[in-house]
Amino acid sequence: MAKKEHISETPATQFLRRQSIVFSEHPYTYEEHGGTTVSARELGVDEHHVVKTLIMQDEAAKPLVVLMHGDRKVSTKNLARQIGCKSVEPCKPEVANRHSGYLIGGTSPFGTRKTMPVYVEESILALDKIYINGGRRGYLIGIDPKILPAVLSARAVSCALEE
């Protein structure tokens, strides 16, 4: 019998278990700067179903979370317009780490250090299953995206750009 790889808890998995959310665990070999292209390849899934968690900030430096398809970019101009801000930009890595409590490349929207507003690209909610970071580099979780609005108070936005 094959030994199942043991995966230790993260703040994200603890959060999901407390909420009784069902998820599957998908460890993979992390590559520095590999992004969703590597994780999709390693898991054998479409990169469109791998969701990246981006920590951004508005013009007042208030942090926010954006969930975007792995094969798309965020139109910060469209996002700012939809959420009523003057501007939105990515946080510097060290600032993002401080807000989320996770390292870049391992950022999960679940169990973040600070409570931040969460915005999800609306087409993600139409997918059957997504793969999103579980709180550690080289570790994705499979989850039903329809739980995002309820569990994270995620607001749907339309700000995806082709990569």
Protein backbone atom coordinates (compact mmCIF):
# COMPACT_ATOMS: atom_id res chain seq x y z
CA MET A 1 0.00 0.00 0.00
CA ALA A 2 1.39 3.38 -0.99
CA LYS A 3 2.11 5.72 1.88
CA LYS A 4 0.11 8.94 1.63
CA GLU A 5 2.34 11.98 1.84
CA HIS A 6 1.73 13.75 5.16
CA ILE A 7 0.85 17.39 4.79
CA SER A 8 0.99 19.53 7.89
CA GLU A 9 -1.75 22.01 8.68
CA THR A 10 -1.55 25.63 7.56
CA PRO A 11 -3.67 28.56 8.77
CA ALA A 12 -5.65 28.08 5.53
CA THR A 13 -6.46 24.39 6.12
CA GLN A 14 -7.27 25.09 9.77
CA PHE A 15 -9.67 27.84 8.67
CA LEU A 16 -11.37 25.54 6.13
CA ARG A 17 -11.71 22.66 8.60
CA ARG A 18 -13.27 25.02 11.19
CA GLN A 19 -15.79 26.06 8.53
CA SER A 20 -16.43 22.36 7.61
CA ILE A 21 -15.41 23.05 3.99
CA VAL A 22 -14.53 19.99 1.92
CA PHE A 23 -11.25 20.26 0.00
CA SER A 24 -8.68 17.99 -1.64
CA GLU A 25 -4.93 18.37 -1.07
CA HIS A 26 -2.45 18.60 -3.95
CA PRO A 27 1.24 18.90 -3.04
CA TYR A 28 3.65 19.46 -5.94
CA THR A 29 7.29 20.36 -6.49
CA TYR A 30 7.52 24.13 -6.15
CA GLU A 31 9.66 26.09 -8.62
CA GLU A 32 10.78 29.63 -7.77
CA HIS A 33 8.95 32.09 -10.08
CA GLY A 34 7.16 29.17 -11.77
CA GLY A 35 3.71 30.45 -10.90
CA THR A 36 0.49 28.81 -12.00
CA THR A 37 2.10 27.45 -15.18
CA VAL A 38 4.23 25.08 -13.09
CA SER A 39 1.51 24.14 -10.59
CA ALA A 40 -0.99 23.41 -13.40
CA ARG A 41 1.58 21.27 -15.21
CA GLU A 42 2.55 19.41 -12.01
CA LEU A 43 -1.10 18.71 -11.13
CA GLY A 44 -2.08 17.93 -14.72
CA VAL A 45 -4.91 20.50 -14.74
CA ASP A 46 -5.89 23.42 -16.96
CA GLU A 47 -4.12 26.61 -15.83
CA HIS A 48 -7.48 28.43 -16.13
CA HIS A 49 -8.66 26.36 -13.11
CA VAL A 50 -5.62 27.26 -11.01
CA VAL A 51 -6.46 30.45 -9.12
CA LYS A 52 -3.80 32.86 -7.94
CA THR A 53 -4.23 34.86 -4.74
CA LEU A 54 -2.93 38.40 -5.21
CA ILE A 55 -2.47 40.88 -2.37
CA MET A 56 -3.00 44.40 -3.71
CA GLN A 57 -3.63 47.82 -2.21
CA ASP A 58 -5.71 50.85 -3.02
CA GLU A 59 -4.55 54.47 -3.20
CA ALA A 60 -4.74 54.72 0.61
CA ALA A 61 -2.49 51.63 0.93
CA LYS A 62 -5.42 49.57 2.29
CA PRO A 63 -4.79 45.92 1.40
CA LEU A 64 -7.22 43.75 -0.57
CA VAL A 65 -7.21 40.25 -2.02
CA VAL A 66 -7.86 39.49 -5.68
CA LEU A 67 -8.51 35.93 -6.88
CA MET A 68 -7.68 35.54 -10.57
CA HIS A 69 -7.40 32.71 -13.10
CA GLY A 70 -3.81 31.49 -13.46
CA ASP A 71 -3.79 32.28 -17.18
CA ARG A 72 -5.11 35.84 -16.78
CA LYS A 73 -3.86 39.18 -15.44
CA VAL A 74 -5.74 41.75 -13.37
CA SER A 75 -6.77 44.99 -15.04
CA THR A 76 -6.08 47.23 -12.05
CA LYS A 77 -7.89 50.10 -13.79
CA ASN A 78 -11.09 48.04 -14.24
CA LEU A 79 -10.82 46.65 -10.72
CA ALA A 80 -10.40 50.12 -9.16
CA ARG A 81 -13.42 51.41 -11.09
CA GLN A 82 -15.61 48.47 -9.96
CA ILE A 83 -14.69 48.68 -6.28
CA GLY A 84 -14.88 52.48 -6.06
CA CYS A 85 -11.17 53.27 -5.68
CA LYS A 86 -8.96 55.75 -7.50
CA SER A 87 -6.26 53.15 -8.08
CA VAL A 88 -5.19 49.61 -7.22
CA GLU A 89 -1.67 48.21 -7.41
CA PRO A 90 0.12 45.05 -6.28
CA CYS A 91 1.71 45.24 -2.84
CA LYS A 92 5.48 44.86 -2.57
CA PRO A 93 6.29 41.24 -1.64
CA GLU A 94 7.33 42.05 1.95
CA VAL A 95 4.15 44.12 2.47
CA ALA A 96 1.97 41.35 1.00
CA ASN A 97 3.66 38.81 3.31
CA ARG A 98 2.97 41.05 6.31
CA HIS A 99 -0.73 41.50 5.43
CA SER A 100 -1.42 37.85 4.57
CA GLY A 101 0.93 36.04 6.93
CA TYR A 102 2.03 33.88 3.98
CA LEU A 103 5.12 33.91 1.77
CA ILE A 104 4.70 35.02 -1.84
CA GLY A 105 4.15 31.83 -3.86
CA GLY A 106 2.27 30.33 -0.92
CA THR A 107 -0.43 32.94 -0.34
CA SER A 108 -3.90 31.62 0.41
CA PRO A 109 -7.05 33.72 0.73
CA PHE A 110 -8.07 31.54 3.70
CA GLY A 111 -6.77 32.20 7.21
CA THR A 112 -4.95 35.44 6.42
CA ARG A 113 -3.29 37.38 9.23
CA LYS A 114 -5.38 40.50 8.48
CA THR A 115 -9.01 40.49 7.42
CA MET A 116 -9.08 42.07 3.98
CA PRO A 117 -11.83 42.54 1.38
CA VAL A 118 -11.74 39.73 -1.21
CA TYR A 119 -12.60 40.18 -4.89
CA VAL A 120 -12.98 37.19 -7.18
CA GLU A 121 -13.03 37.25 -10.98
CA GLU A 122 -16.67 36.36 -11.67
CA SER A 123 -15.91 33.62 -14.23
CA ILE A 124 -14.07 31.66 -11.49
CA LEU A 125 -17.40 31.17 -9.71
CA ALA A 126 -18.78 29.35 -12.77
CA LEU A 127 -16.08 26.61 -12.66
CA ASP A 128 -16.84 23.20 -11.11
CA LYS A 129 -13.58 23.03 -9.17
CA ILE A 130 -10.61 25.33 -8.65
CA TYR A 131 -7.09 24.76 -7.36
CA ILE A 132 -5.98 27.50 -5.02
CA ASN A 133 -3.03 27.89 -2.68
CA GLY A 134 -3.36 26.06 0.62
CA GLY A 135 -0.97 28.30 2.54
CA ARG A 136 2.43 26.95 1.55
CA ARG A 137 4.63 26.94 -1.54
CA GLY A 138 4.10 23.72 -3.49
CA TYR A 139 0.66 23.03 -1.99
CA LEU A 140 -2.67 23.64 -3.68
CA ILE A 141 -6.13 22.65 -2.51
CA GLY A 142 -9.02 21.67 -4.74
CA ILE A 143 -12.26 23.37 -3.77
CA ASP A 144 -15.70 24.31 -5.07
CA PRO A 145 -15.48 28.01 -5.99
CA LYS A 146 -19.14 28.54 -5.12
CA ILE A 147 -18.15 28.62 -1.42
CA LEU A 148 -15.97 31.74 -1.89
CA PRO A 149 -18.71 34.40 -1.52
CA ALA A 150 -20.05 32.79 1.66
CA VAL A 151 -16.77 31.82 3.33
CA LEU A 152 -14.66 34.85 2.36
CA SER A 153 -17.42 37.41 1.68
CA ALA A 154 -15.81 37.52 -1.77
CA ARG A 155 -17.35 40.01 -4.17
CA ALA A 156 -17.47 39.12 -7.88
CA VAL A 157 -15.70 41.52 -10.23
CA SER A 158 -14.85 41.46 -13.92
CA CYS A 159 -11.25 42.59 -14.41
CA ALA A 160 -9.47 39.74 -16.21
CA LEU A 161 -7.06 40.41 -19.07
CA GLU A 162 -5.55 37.78 -21.37
CA GLU A 163 -1.89 37.09 -20.40
